[in-house]
Amino acid sequence: MSSLPEELADVRVKLKANVYFDGKVVSHTIVSADGVRRTVGLIYPGSYTFNTSDAERMDILAGSCRVKLADAMDWTAFAAGTTFHVAAASRFEIAVDSGIAEYLCTFG
């Protein structure tokens, strides 16, 4: 299990939310002092497909989800405190079966 931060210091927050799938996935973009772009958000129950332009590191902060990467045959479960990676110029499916999954996505 990886050690995930409880907070990020010295960041700028974009106040306009990123709202997907009729509000079932919502995030805010944050940019750290060194220019690293991240989003922090919530995923409500359902199954969603995302396309990527940049590589992504997804840290699950709370709750749980299942993920199916573009070339994968099967779904993989991720609980709070775990991380998965998505390749650039790819796609992934993410599903939350119950509750809310909270995440931190780091791009690049």
PDB file of N, CA and C in Angstrom:
ATOM      1  N   MET A   1       0.849  -1.177   0.000  1.00  0.00           N
ATOM      2  CA  MET A   1       0.000   0.000   0.000  1.00  0.00           C
ATOM      3  C   MET A   1       0.891   1.235   0.000  1.00  0.00           C
ATOM      4  N   SER A   2       0.621   2.187  -0.890  1.00  0.00           N
ATOM      5  CA  SER A   2       1.451   3.383  -0.975  1.00  0.00           C
ATOM      6  C   SER A   2       1.056   4.400   0.087  1.00  0.00           C
ATOM      7  N   SER A   3       1.969   5.313   0.348  1.00  0.00           N
ATOM      8  CA  SER A   3       1.715   6.376   1.309  1.00  0.00           C
ATOM      9  C   SER A   3       1.199   7.589   0.547  1.00  0.00           C
ATOM     10  N   LEU A   4      -0.062   7.900   0.725  1.00  0.00           N
ATOM     11  CA  LEU A   4      -0.663   9.003  -0.002  1.00  0.00           C
ATOM     12  C   LEU A   4      -0.705  10.248   0.870  1.00  0.00           C
ATOM     13  N   PRO A   5      -0.563  11.425   0.262  1.00  0.00           N
ATOM     14  CA  PRO A   5      -0.586  12.661   1.051  1.00  0.00           C
ATOM     15  C   PRO A   5      -1.966  12.935   1.617  1.00  0.00           C
ATOM     16  N   GLU A   6      -1.992  13.601   2.755  1.00  0.00           N
ATOM     17  CA  GLU A   6      -3.263  14.039   3.322  1.00  0.00           C
ATOM     18  C   GLU A   6      -3.619  15.436   2.839  1.00  0.00           C
ATOM     19  N   GLU A   7      -2.598  16.179   2.400  1.00  0.00           N
ATOM     20  CA  GLU A   7      -2.834  17.506   1.855  1.00  0.00           C
ATOM     21  C   GLU A   7      -1.702  17.871   0.912  1.00  0.00           C
ATOM     22  N   LEU A   8      -1.978  18.839   0.049  1.00  0.00           N
ATOM     23  CA  LEU A   8      -0.971  19.368  -0.862  1.00  0.00           C
ATOM     24  C   LEU A   8      -0.774  20.836  -0.525  1.00  0.00           C
ATOM     25  N   ALA A   9       0.479  21.246  -0.352  1.00  0.00           N
ATOM     26  CA  ALA A   9       0.783  22.639  -0.007  1.00  0.00           C
ATOM     27  C   ALA A   9       1.134  23.420  -1.264  1.00  0.00           C
ATOM     28  N   ASP A  10       1.003  24.728  -1.183  1.00  0.00           N
ATOM     29  CA  ASP A  10       1.435  25.636  -2.248  1.00  0.00           C
ATOM     30  C   ASP A  10       0.837  25.275  -3.603  1.00  0.00           C
ATOM     31  N   VAL A  11      -0.486  25.231  -3.671  1.00  0.00           N
ATOM     32  CA  VAL A  11      -1.161  24.919  -4.929  1.00  0.00           C
ATOM     33  C   VAL A  11      -2.126  26.031  -5.310  1.00  0.00           C
ATOM     34  N   ARG A  12      -2.387  26.113  -6.622  1.00  0.00           N
ATOM     35  CA  ARG A  12      -3.447  26.965  -7.148  1.00  0.00           C
ATOM     36  C   ARG A  12      -4.612  26.050  -7.479  1.00  0.00           C
ATOM     37  N   VAL A  13      -5.829  26.489  -7.188  1.00  0.00           N
ATOM     38  CA  VAL A  13      -7.027  25.691  -7.442  1.00  0.00           C
ATOM     39  C   VAL A  13      -7.896  26.412  -8.456  1.00  0.00           C
ATOM     40  N   LYS A  14      -8.289  25.698  -9.501  1.00  0.00           N
ATOM     41  CA  LYS A  14      -9.246  26.251 -10.456  1.00  0.00           C
ATOM     42  C   LYS A  14     -10.636  26.047  -9.863  1.00  0.00           C
ATOM     43  N   LEU A  15     -11.362  27.122  -9.701  1.00  0.00           N
ATOM     44  CA  LEU A  15     -12.646  27.055  -9.006  1.00  0.00           C
ATOM     45  C   LEU A  15     -13.749  26.404  -9.831  1.00  0.00           C
ATOM     46  N   LYS A  16     -13.661  26.474 -11.136  1.00  0.00           N
ATOM     47  CA  LYS A  16     -14.666  25.837 -11.988  1.00  0.00           C
ATOM     48  C   LYS A  16     -14.463  24.328 -11.938  1.00  0.00           C
ATOM     49  N   ALA A  17     -15.486  23.614 -11.540  1.00  0.00           N
ATOM     50  CA  ALA A  17     -15.405  22.156 -11.420  1.00  0.00           C
ATOM     51  C   ALA A  17     -15.393  21.502 -12.799  1.00  0.00           C
ATOM     52  N   ASN A  18     -14.743  20.349 -12.870  1.00  0.00           N
ATOM     53  CA  ASN A  18     -14.813  19.463 -14.031  1.00  0.00           C
ATOM     54  C   ASN A  18     -15.947  18.489 -13.727  1.00  0.00           C
ATOM     55  N   VAL A  19     -17.032  18.570 -14.459  1.00  0.00           N
ATOM     56  CA  VAL A  19     -18.210  17.756 -14.187  1.00  0.00           C
ATOM     57  C   VAL A  19     -18.443  16.811 -15.364  1.00  0.00           C
ATOM     58  N   TYR A  20     -18.472  15.510 -15.084  1.00  0.00           N
ATOM     59  CA  TYR A  20     -18.657  14.487 -16.104  1.00  0.00           C
ATOM     60  C   TYR A  20     -19.853  13.606 -15.756  1.00  0.00           C
ATOM     61  N   PHE A  21     -20.443  13.011 -16.768  1.00  0.00           N
ATOM     62  CA  PHE A  21     -21.492  12.005 -16.592  1.00  0.00           C
ATOM     63  C   PHE A  21     -22.625  12.501 -15.683  1.00  0.00           C
ATOM     64  N   ASP A  22     -23.159  13.679 -16.046  1.00  0.00           N
ATOM     65  CA  ASP A  22     -24.292  14.266 -15.311  1.00  0.00           C
ATOM     66  C   ASP A  22     -24.003  14.437 -13.824  1.00  0.00           C
ATOM     67  N   GLY A  23     -22.774  14.782 -13.486  1.00  0.00           N
ATOM     68  CA  GLY A  23     -22.409  15.060 -12.101  1.00  0.00           C
ATOM     69  C   GLY A  23     -22.002  13.849 -11.294  1.00  0.00           C
ATOM     70  N   LYS A  24     -21.876  12.696 -11.931  1.00  0.00           N
ATOM     71  CA  LYS A  24     -21.497  11.489 -11.190  1.00  0.00           C
ATOM     72  C   LYS A  24     -19.987  11.368 -11.005  1.00  0.00           C
ATOM     73  N   VAL A  25     -19.228  12.168 -11.751  1.00  0.00           N
ATOM     74  CA  VAL A  25     -17.784  12.295 -11.550  1.00  0.00           C
ATOM     75  C   VAL A  25     -17.491  13.789 -11.548  1.00  0.00           C
ATOM     76  N   VAL A  26     -16.922  14.285 -10.446  1.00  0.00           N
ATOM     77  CA  VAL A  26     -16.658  15.714 -10.294  1.00  0.00           C
ATOM     78  C   VAL A  26     -15.255  15.892  -9.735  1.00  0.00           C
ATOM     79  N   SER A  27     -14.494  16.820 -10.338  1.00  0.00           N
ATOM     80  CA  SER A  27     -13.152  17.090  -9.829  1.00  0.00           C
ATOM     81  C   SER A  27     -12.831  18.570  -9.948  1.00  0.00           C
ATOM     82  N   HIS A  28     -11.752  18.965  -9.284  1.00  0.00           N
ATOM     83  CA  HIS A  28     -11.186  20.308  -9.409  1.00  0.00           C
ATOM     84  C   HIS A  28      -9.729  20.157  -9.797  1.00  0.00           C
ATOM     85  N   THR A  29      -9.286  21.021 -10.704  1.00  0.00           N
ATOM     86  CA  THR A  29      -7.887  21.018 -11.135  1.00  0.00           C
ATOM     87  C   THR A  29      -7.066  21.835 -10.153  1.00  0.00           C
ATOM     88  N   ILE A  30      -5.922  21.282  -9.777  1.00  0.00           N
ATOM     89  CA  ILE A  30      -4.976  21.983  -8.914  1.00  0.00           C
ATOM     90  C   ILE A  30      -3.607  21.946  -9.591  1.00  0.00           C
ATOM     91  N   VAL A  31      -2.854  23.019  -9.420  1.00  0.00           N
ATOM     92  CA  VAL A  31      -1.515  23.107 -10.001  1.00  0.00           C
ATOM     93  C   VAL A  31      -0.554  23.478  -8.885  1.00  0.00           C
ATOM     94  N   SER A  32       0.484  22.668  -8.694  1.00  0.00           N
ATOM     95  CA  SER A  32       1.449  22.929  -7.628  1.00  0.00           C
ATOM     96  C   SER A  32       2.442  23.998  -8.055  1.00  0.00           C
ATOM     97  N   ALA A  33       3.193  24.507  -7.105  1.00  0.00           N
ATOM     98  CA  ALA A  33       4.164  25.570  -7.357  1.00  0.00           C
ATOM     99  C   ALA A  33       5.180  25.166  -8.420  1.00  0.00           C
ATOM    100  N   ASP A  34       5.477  23.874  -8.523  1.00  0.00           N
ATOM    101  CA  ASP A  34       6.444  23.411  -9.526  1.00  0.00           C
ATOM    102  C   ASP A  34       5.789  23.083 -10.868  1.00  0.00           C
ATOM    103  N   GLY A  35       4.496  23.409 -11.013  1.00  0.00           N
ATOM    104  CA  GLY A  35       3.805  23.248 -12.288  1.00  0.00           C
ATOM    105  C   GLY A  35       3.130  21.916 -12.513  1.00  0.00           C
ATOM    106  N   VAL A  36       3.178  21.003 -11.547  1.00  0.00           N
ATOM    107  CA  VAL A  36       2.534  19.700 -11.710  1.00  0.00           C
ATOM    108  C   VAL A  36       1.017  19.878 -11.649  1.00  0.00           C
ATOM    109  N   ARG A  37       0.325  19.341 -12.665  1.00  0.00           N
ATOM    110  CA  ARG A  37      -1.141  19.454 -12.744  1.00  0.00           C
ATOM    111  C   ARG A  37      -1.775  18.182 -12.201  1.00  0.00           C
ATOM    112  N   ARG A  38      -2.783  18.362 -11.355  1.00  0.00           N
ATOM    113  CA  ARG A  38      -3.512  17.253 -10.754  1.00  0.00           C
ATOM    114  C   ARG A  38      -4.995  17.600 -10.749  1.00  0.00           C
ATOM    115  N   THR A  39      -5.804  16.573 -10.559  1.00  0.00           N
ATOM    116  CA  THR A  39      -7.207  16.798 -10.236  1.00  0.00           C
ATOM    117  C   THR A  39      -7.505  15.999  -8.969  1.00  0.00           C
ATOM    118  N   VAL A  40      -8.409  16.521  -8.170  1.00  0.00           N
ATOM    119  CA  VAL A  40      -8.872  15.825  -6.978  1.00  0.00           C
ATOM    120  C   VAL A  40     -10.386  15.785  -7.074  1.00  0.00           C
ATOM    121  N   GLY A  41     -10.956  14.585  -6.862  1.00  0.00           N
ATOM    122  CA  GLY A  41     -12.386  14.510  -7.084  1.00  0.00           C
ATOM    123  C   GLY A  41     -13.079  13.310  -6.489  1.00  0.00           C
ATOM    124  N   LEU A  42     -14.344  13.184  -6.877  1.00  0.00           N
ATOM    125  CA  LEU A  42     -15.251  12.156  -6.379  1.00  0.00           C
ATOM    126  C   LEU A  42     -15.859  11.397  -7.548  1.00  0.00           C
ATOM    127  N   ILE A  43     -16.035  10.090  -7.359  1.00  0.00           N
ATOM    128  CA  ILE A  43     -16.722   9.263  -8.341  1.00  0.00           C
ATOM    129  C   ILE A  43     -17.874   8.560  -7.629  1.00  0.00           C
ATOM    130  N   TYR A  44     -19.082   8.811  -8.102  1.00  0.00           N
ATOM    131  CA  TYR A  44     -20.278   8.196  -7.527  1.00  0.00           C
ATOM    132  C   TYR A  44     -20.542   6.854  -8.216  1.00  0.00           C
ATOM    133  N   PRO A  45     -21.400   6.020  -7.635  1.00  0.00           N
ATOM    134  CA  PRO A  45     -21.653   4.701  -8.221  1.00  0.00           C
ATOM    135  C   PRO A  45     -22.028   4.760  -9.696  1.00  0.00           C
ATOM    136  N   GLY A  46     -21.453   3.827 -10.445  1.00  0.00           N
ATOM    137  CA  GLY A  46     -21.677   3.729 -11.880  1.00  0.00           C
ATOM    138  C   GLY A  46     -20.403   3.270 -12.554  1.00  0.00           C
ATOM    139  N   SER A  47     -20.453   3.170 -13.881  1.00  0.00           N
ATOM    140  CA  SER A  47     -19.293   2.766 -14.675  1.00  0.00           C
ATOM    141  C   SER A  47     -19.060   3.829 -15.739  1.00  0.00           C
ATOM    142  N   TYR A  48     -17.805   4.268 -15.892  1.00  0.00           N
ATOM    143  CA  TYR A  48     -17.477   5.402 -16.732  1.00  0.00           C
ATOM    144  C   TYR A  48     -16.223   5.108 -17.554  1.00  0.00           C
ATOM    145  N   THR A  49     -16.171   5.624 -18.775  1.00  0.00           N
ATOM    146  CA  THR A  49     -15.008   5.466 -19.634  1.00  0.00           C
ATOM    147  C   THR A  49     -14.362   6.824 -19.861  1.00  0.00           C
ATOM    148  N   PHE A  50     -13.044   6.881 -19.674  1.00  0.00           N
ATOM    149  CA  PHE A  50     -12.273   8.097 -19.882  1.00  0.00           C
ATOM    150  C   PHE A  50     -11.184   7.854 -20.905  1.00  0.00           C
ATOM    151  N   ASN A  51     -10.949   8.844 -21.751  1.00  0.00           N
ATOM    152  CA  ASN A  51      -9.823   8.837 -22.673  1.00  0.00           C
ATOM    153  C   ASN A  51      -8.742   9.742 -22.100  1.00  0.00           C
ATOM    154  N   THR A  52      -7.480   9.367 -22.305  1.00  0.00           N
ATOM    155  CA  THR A  52      -6.376  10.153 -21.766  1.00  0.00           C
ATOM    156  C   THR A  52      -5.565  10.771 -22.903  1.00  0.00           C
ATOM    157  N   SER A  53      -5.019  11.931 -22.630  1.00  0.00           N
ATOM    158  CA  SER A  53      -4.022  12.493 -23.536  1.00  0.00           C
ATOM    159  C   SER A  53      -2.649  12.338 -22.884  1.00  0.00           C
ATOM    160  N   ASP A  54      -2.555  12.687 -21.604  1.00  0.00           N
ATOM    161  CA  ASP A  54      -1.326  12.515 -20.832  1.00  0.00           C
ATOM    162  C   ASP A  54      -1.388  11.217 -20.036  1.00  0.00           C
ATOM    163  N   ALA A  55      -0.224  10.722 -19.623  1.00  0.00           N
ATOM    164  CA  ALA A  55      -0.195   9.602 -18.681  1.00  0.00           C
ATOM    165  C   ALA A  55      -0.824  10.083 -17.369  1.00  0.00           C
ATOM    166  N   GLU A  56      -1.438   9.158 -16.639  1.00  0.00           N
ATOM    167  CA  GLU A  56      -2.097   9.512 -15.379  1.00  0.00           C
ATOM    168  C   GLU A  56      -1.723   8.523 -14.289  1.00  0.00           C
ATOM    169  N   ARG A  57      -1.496   9.067 -13.107  1.00  0.00           N
ATOM    170  CA  ARG A  57      -1.348   8.257 -11.898  1.00  0.00           C
ATOM    171  C   ARG A  57      -2.593   8.537 -11.067  1.00  0.00           C
ATOM    172  N   MET A  58      -3.356   7.495 -10.771  1.00  0.00           N
ATOM    173  CA  MET A  58      -4.587   7.647 -10.002  1.00  0.00           C
ATOM    174  C   MET A  58      -4.389   7.053  -8.615  1.00  0.00           C
ATOM    175  N   ASP A  59      -4.444   7.906  -7.606  1.00  0.00           N
ATOM    176  CA  ASP A  59      -4.368   7.480  -6.210  1.00  0.00           C
ATOM    177  C   ASP A  59      -5.781   7.458  -5.652  1.00  0.00           C
ATOM    178  N   ILE A  60      -6.206   6.319  -5.126  1.00  0.00           N
ATOM    179  CA  ILE A  60      -7.533   6.210  -4.522  1.00  0.00           C
ATOM    180  C   ILE A  60      -7.394   6.621  -3.061  1.00  0.00           C
ATOM    181  N   LEU A  61      -8.032   7.725  -2.695  1.00  0.00           N
ATOM    182  CA  LEU A  61      -7.903   8.300  -1.358  1.00  0.00           C
ATOM    183  C   LEU A  61      -8.896   7.712  -0.366  1.00  0.00           C
ATOM    184  N   ALA A  62     -10.091   7.399  -0.833  1.00  0.00           N
ATOM    185  CA  ALA A  62     -11.134   6.831   0.031  1.00  0.00           C
ATOM    186  C   ALA A  62     -12.102   6.050  -0.847  1.00  0.00           C
ATOM    187  N   GLY A  63     -12.774   5.086  -0.240  1.00  0.00           N
ATOM    188  CA  GLY A  63     -13.701   4.258  -0.992  1.00  0.00           C
ATOM    189  C   GLY A  63     -12.949   3.227  -1.811  1.00  0.00           C
ATOM    190  N   SER A  64     -13.599   2.727  -2.852  1.00  0.00           N
ATOM    191  CA  SER A  64     -12.962   1.727  -3.709  1.00  0.00           C
ATOM    192  C   SER A  64     -13.566   1.801  -5.106  1.00  0.00           C
ATOM    193  N   CYS A  65     -12.856   1.189  -6.041  1.00  0.00           N
ATOM    194  CA  CYS A  65     -13.324   1.160  -7.419  1.00  0.00           C
ATOM    195  C   CYS A  65     -12.744  -0.057  -8.119  1.00  0.00           C
ATOM    196  N   ARG A  66     -13.254  -0.304  -9.314  1.00  0.00           N
ATOM    197  CA  ARG A  66     -12.689  -1.323 -10.198  1.00  0.00           C
ATOM    198  C   ARG A  66     -12.256  -0.607 -11.462  1.00  0.00           C
ATOM    199  N   VAL A  67     -11.147  -1.076 -12.060  1.00  0.00           N
ATOM    200  CA  VAL A  67     -10.596  -0.420 -13.236  1.00  0.00           C
ATOM    201  C   VAL A  67     -10.287  -1.458 -14.305  1.00  0.00           C
ATOM    202  N   LYS A  68     -10.575  -1.083 -15.544  1.00  0.00           N
ATOM    203  CA  LYS A  68     -10.204  -1.912 -16.687  1.00  0.00           C
ATOM    204  C   LYS A  68      -9.432  -1.017 -17.652  1.00  0.00           C
ATOM    205  N   LEU A  69      -8.120  -1.255 -17.753  1.00  0.00           N
ATOM    206  CA  LEU A  69      -7.279  -0.472 -18.645  1.00  0.00           C
ATOM    207  C   LEU A  69      -7.555  -0.862 -20.090  1.00  0.00           C
ATOM    208  N   ALA A  70      -7.123  -0.048 -21.032  1.00  0.00           N
ATOM    209  CA  ALA A  70      -7.467  -0.200 -22.447  1.00  0.00           C
ATOM    210  C   ALA A  70      -7.203  -1.594 -22.994  1.00  0.00           C
ATOM    211  N   ASP A  71      -6.077  -2.201 -22.672  1.00  0.00           N
ATOM    212  CA  ASP A  71      -5.726  -3.498 -23.244  1.00  0.00           C
ATOM    213  C   ASP A  71      -6.017  -4.672 -22.303  1.00  0.00           C
ATOM    214  N   ALA A  72      -6.614  -4.389 -21.172  1.00  0.00           N
ATOM    215  CA  ALA A  72      -6.853  -5.448 -20.182  1.00  0.00           C
ATOM    216  C   ALA A  72      -8.101  -6.246 -20.525  1.00  0.00           C
ATOM    217  N   MET A  73      -8.065  -7.507 -20.185  1.00  0.00           N
ATOM    218  CA  MET A  73      -9.229  -8.373 -20.369  1.00  0.00           C
ATOM    219  C   MET A  73     -10.153  -8.337 -19.152  1.00  0.00           C
ATOM    220  N   ASP A  74      -9.556  -8.069 -17.972  1.00  0.00           N
ATOM    221  CA  ASP A  74     -10.304  -8.143 -16.719  1.00  0.00           C
ATOM    222  C   ASP A  74     -10.259  -6.826 -15.954  1.00  0.00           C
ATOM    223  N   TRP A  75     -11.180  -6.701 -15.034  1.00  0.00           N
ATOM    224  CA  TRP A  75     -11.234  -5.582 -14.103  1.00  0.00           C
ATOM    225  C   TRP A  75     -10.308  -5.875 -12.929  1.00  0.00           C
ATOM    226  N   THR A  76      -9.708  -4.814 -12.366  1.00  0.00           N
ATOM    227  CA  THR A  76      -8.867  -4.921 -11.174  1.00  0.00           C
ATOM    228  C   THR A  76      -9.439  -4.000 -10.107  1.00  0.00           C
ATOM    229  N   ALA A  77      -9.543  -4.501  -8.877  1.00  0.00           N
ATOM    230  CA  ALA A  77     -10.083  -3.703  -7.772  1.00  0.00           C
ATOM    231  C   ALA A  77      -8.985  -2.867  -7.128  1.00  0.00           C
ATOM    232  N   PHE A  78      -9.357  -1.642  -6.741  1.00  0.00           N
ATOM    233  CA  PHE A  78      -8.445  -0.738  -6.042  1.00  0.00           C
ATOM    234  C   PHE A  78      -9.174  -0.158  -4.838  1.00  0.00           C
ATOM    235  N   ALA A  79      -8.560  -0.288  -3.676  1.00  0.00           N
ATOM    236  CA  ALA A  79      -9.127   0.231  -2.425  1.00  0.00           C
ATOM    237  C   ALA A  79      -8.393   1.510  -2.039  1.00  0.00           C
ATOM    238  N   ALA A  80      -8.911   2.184  -1.021  1.00  0.00           N
ATOM    239  CA  ALA A  80      -8.254   3.380  -0.502  1.00  0.00           C
ATOM    240  C   ALA A  80      -6.798   3.060  -0.184  1.00  0.00           C
ATOM    241  N   GLY A  81      -5.908   3.978  -0.576  1.00  0.00           N
ATOM    242  CA  GLY A  81      -4.485   3.805  -0.315  1.00  0.00           C
ATOM    243  C   GLY A  81      -3.733   3.125  -1.445  1.00  0.00           C
ATOM    244  N   THR A  82      -4.426   2.772  -2.520  1.00  0.00           N
ATOM    245  CA  THR A  82      -3.762   2.115  -3.647  1.00  0.00           C
ATOM    246  C   THR A  82      -3.704   3.051  -4.852  1.00  0.00           C
ATOM    247  N   THR A  83      -2.896   2.661  -5.831  1.00  0.00           N
ATOM    248  CA  THR A  83      -2.610   3.492  -6.997  1.00  0.00           C
ATOM    249  C   THR A  83      -2.643   2.653  -8.257  1.00  0.00           C
ATOM    250  N   PHE A  84      -3.116   3.243  -9.363  1.00  0.00           N
ATOM    251  CA  PHE A  84      -2.956   2.609 -10.665  1.00  0.00           C
ATOM    252  C   PHE A  84      -2.495   3.659 -11.665  1.00  0.00           C
ATOM    253  N   HIS A  85      -1.919   3.199 -12.771  1.00  0.00           N
ATOM    254  CA  HIS A  85      -1.349   4.080 -13.794  1.00  0.00           C
ATOM    255  C   HIS A  85      -2.042   3.833 -15.129  1.00  0.00           C
ATOM    256  N   VAL A  86      -2.279   4.913 -15.859  1.00  0.00           N
ATOM    257  CA  VAL A  86      -2.898   4.846 -17.177  1.00  0.00           C
ATOM    258  C   VAL A  86      -1.927   5.466 -18.176  1.00  0.00           C
ATOM    259  N   ALA A  87      -1.700   4.793 -19.281  1.00  0.00           N
ATOM    260  CA  ALA A  87      -0.782   5.287 -20.306  1.00  0.00           C
ATOM    261  C   ALA A  87      -1.347   6.520 -21.010  1.00  0.00           C
ATOM    262  N   ALA A  88      -0.456   7.330 -21.551  1.00  0.00           N
ATOM    263  CA  ALA A  88      -0.862   8.475 -22.370  1.00  0.00           C
ATOM    264  C   ALA A  88      -1.552   7.969 -23.635  1.00  0.00           C
ATOM    265  N   ALA A  89      -2.426   8.800 -24.196  1.00  0.00           N
ATOM    266  CA  ALA A  89      -3.135   8.477 -25.439  1.00  0.00           C
ATOM    267  C   ALA A  89      -3.801   7.105 -25.352  1.00  0.00           C
ATOM    268  N   SER A  90      -4.526   6.902 -24.262  1.00  0.00           N
ATOM    269  CA  SER A  90      -5.152   5.616 -23.984  1.00  0.00           C
ATOM    270  C   SER A  90      -6.572   5.866 -23.481  1.00  0.00           C
ATOM    271  N   ARG A  91      -7.137   4.841 -22.869  1.00  0.00           N
ATOM    272  CA  ARG A  91      -8.439   4.984 -22.226  1.00  0.00           C
ATOM    273  C   ARG A  91      -8.513   3.990 -21.077  1.00  0.00           C
ATOM    274  N   PHE A  92      -9.470   4.226 -20.193  1.00  0.00           N
ATOM    275  CA  PHE A  92      -9.724   3.270 -19.117  1.00  0.00           C
ATOM    276  C   PHE A  92     -11.178   3.368 -18.702  1.00  0.00           C
ATOM    277  N   GLU A  93     -11.670   2.278 -18.161  1.00  0.00           N
ATOM    278  CA  GLU A  93     -13.003   2.240 -17.576  1.00  0.00           C
ATOM    279  C   GLU A  93     -12.834   2.190 -16.073  1.00  0.00           C
ATOM    280  N   ILE A  94     -13.675   2.907 -15.367  1.00  0.00           N
ATOM    281  CA  ILE A  94     -13.636   2.888 -13.910  1.00  0.00           C
ATOM    282  C   ILE A  94     -15.066   2.710 -13.406  1.00  0.00           C
ATOM    283  N   ALA A  95     -15.228   1.857 -12.413  1.00  0.00           N
ATOM    284  CA  ALA A  95     -16.556   1.574 -11.865  1.00  0.00           C
ATOM    285  C   ALA A  95     -16.517   1.658 -10.350  1.00  0.00           C
ATOM    286  N   VAL A  96     -17.534   2.273  -9.797  1.00  0.00           N
ATOM    287  CA  VAL A  96     -17.743   2.307  -8.348  1.00  0.00           C
ATOM    288  C   VAL A  96     -19.052   1.576  -8.105  1.00  0.00           C
ATOM    289  N   ASP A  97     -18.991   0.531  -7.302  1.00  0.00           N
ATOM    290  CA  ASP A  97     -20.171  -0.290  -7.061  1.00  0.00           C
ATOM    291  C   ASP A  97     -21.063   0.258  -5.957  1.00  0.00           C
ATOM    292  N   SER A  98     -20.466   0.882  -4.944  1.00  0.00           N
ATOM    293  CA  SER A  98     -21.254   1.481  -3.858  1.00  0.00           C
ATOM    294  C   SER A  98     -20.409   2.543  -3.172  1.00  0.00           C
ATOM    295  N   GLY A  99     -21.090   3.450  -2.520  1.00  0.00           N
ATOM    296  CA  GLY A  99     -20.383   4.530  -1.840  1.00  0.00           C
ATOM    297  C   GLY A  99     -19.790   5.502  -2.841  1.00  0.00           C
ATOM    298  N   ILE A 100     -18.771   6.215  -2.412  1.00  0.00           N
ATOM    299  CA  ILE A 100     -18.099   7.224  -3.235  1.00  0.00           C
ATOM    300  C   ILE A 100     -16.605   6.938  -3.204  1.00  0.00           C
ATOM    301  N   ALA A 101     -15.973   6.941  -4.368  1.00  0.00           N
ATOM    302  CA  ALA A 101     -14.516   6.838  -4.436  1.00  0.00           C
ATOM    303  C   ALA A 101     -13.945   8.244  -4.549  1.00  0.00           C
ATOM    304  N   GLU A 102     -12.953   8.545  -3.714  1.00  0.00           N
ATOM    305  CA  GLU A 102     -12.260   9.816  -3.772  1.00  0.00           C
ATOM    306  C   GLU A 102     -10.884   9.562  -4.377  1.00  0.00           C
ATOM    307  N   TYR A 103     -10.434  10.462  -5.253  1.00  0.00           N
ATOM    308  CA  TYR A 103      -9.173  10.218  -5.940  1.00  0.00           C
ATOM    309  C   TYR A 103      -8.341  11.469  -6.120  1.00  0.00           C
ATOM    310  N   LEU A 104      -7.053  11.252  -6.346  1.00  0.00           N
ATOM    311  CA  LEU A 104      -6.102  12.275  -6.745  1.00  0.00           C
ATOM    312  C   LEU A 104      -5.438  11.784  -8.022  1.00  0.00           C
ATOM    313  N   CYS A 105      -5.591  12.517  -9.096  1.00  0.00           N
ATOM    314  CA  CYS A 105      -4.995  12.158 -10.386  1.00  0.00           C
ATOM    315  C   CYS A 105      -3.836  13.105 -10.670  1.00  0.00           C
ATOM    316  N   THR A 106      -2.667  12.544 -10.937  1.00  0.00           N
ATOM    317  CA  THR A 106      -1.491  13.329 -11.294  1.00  0.00           C
ATOM    318  C   THR A 106      -1.172  13.067 -12.751  1.00  0.00           C
ATOM    319  N   PHE A 107      -1.033  14.134 -13.535  1.00  0.00           N
ATOM    320  CA  PHE A 107      -0.797  14.013 -14.974  1.00  0.00           C
ATOM    321  C   PHE A 107       0.685  14.082 -15.299  1.00  0.00           C
ATOM    322  N   GLY A 108       1.043  13.348 -16.344  1.00  0.00           N
ATOM    323  CA  GLY A 108       2.422  13.418 -16.851  1.00  0.00           C
ATOM    324  C   GLY A 108       3.293  12.276 -16.468  1.00  0.00           C
TER     325      GLY A 108
END
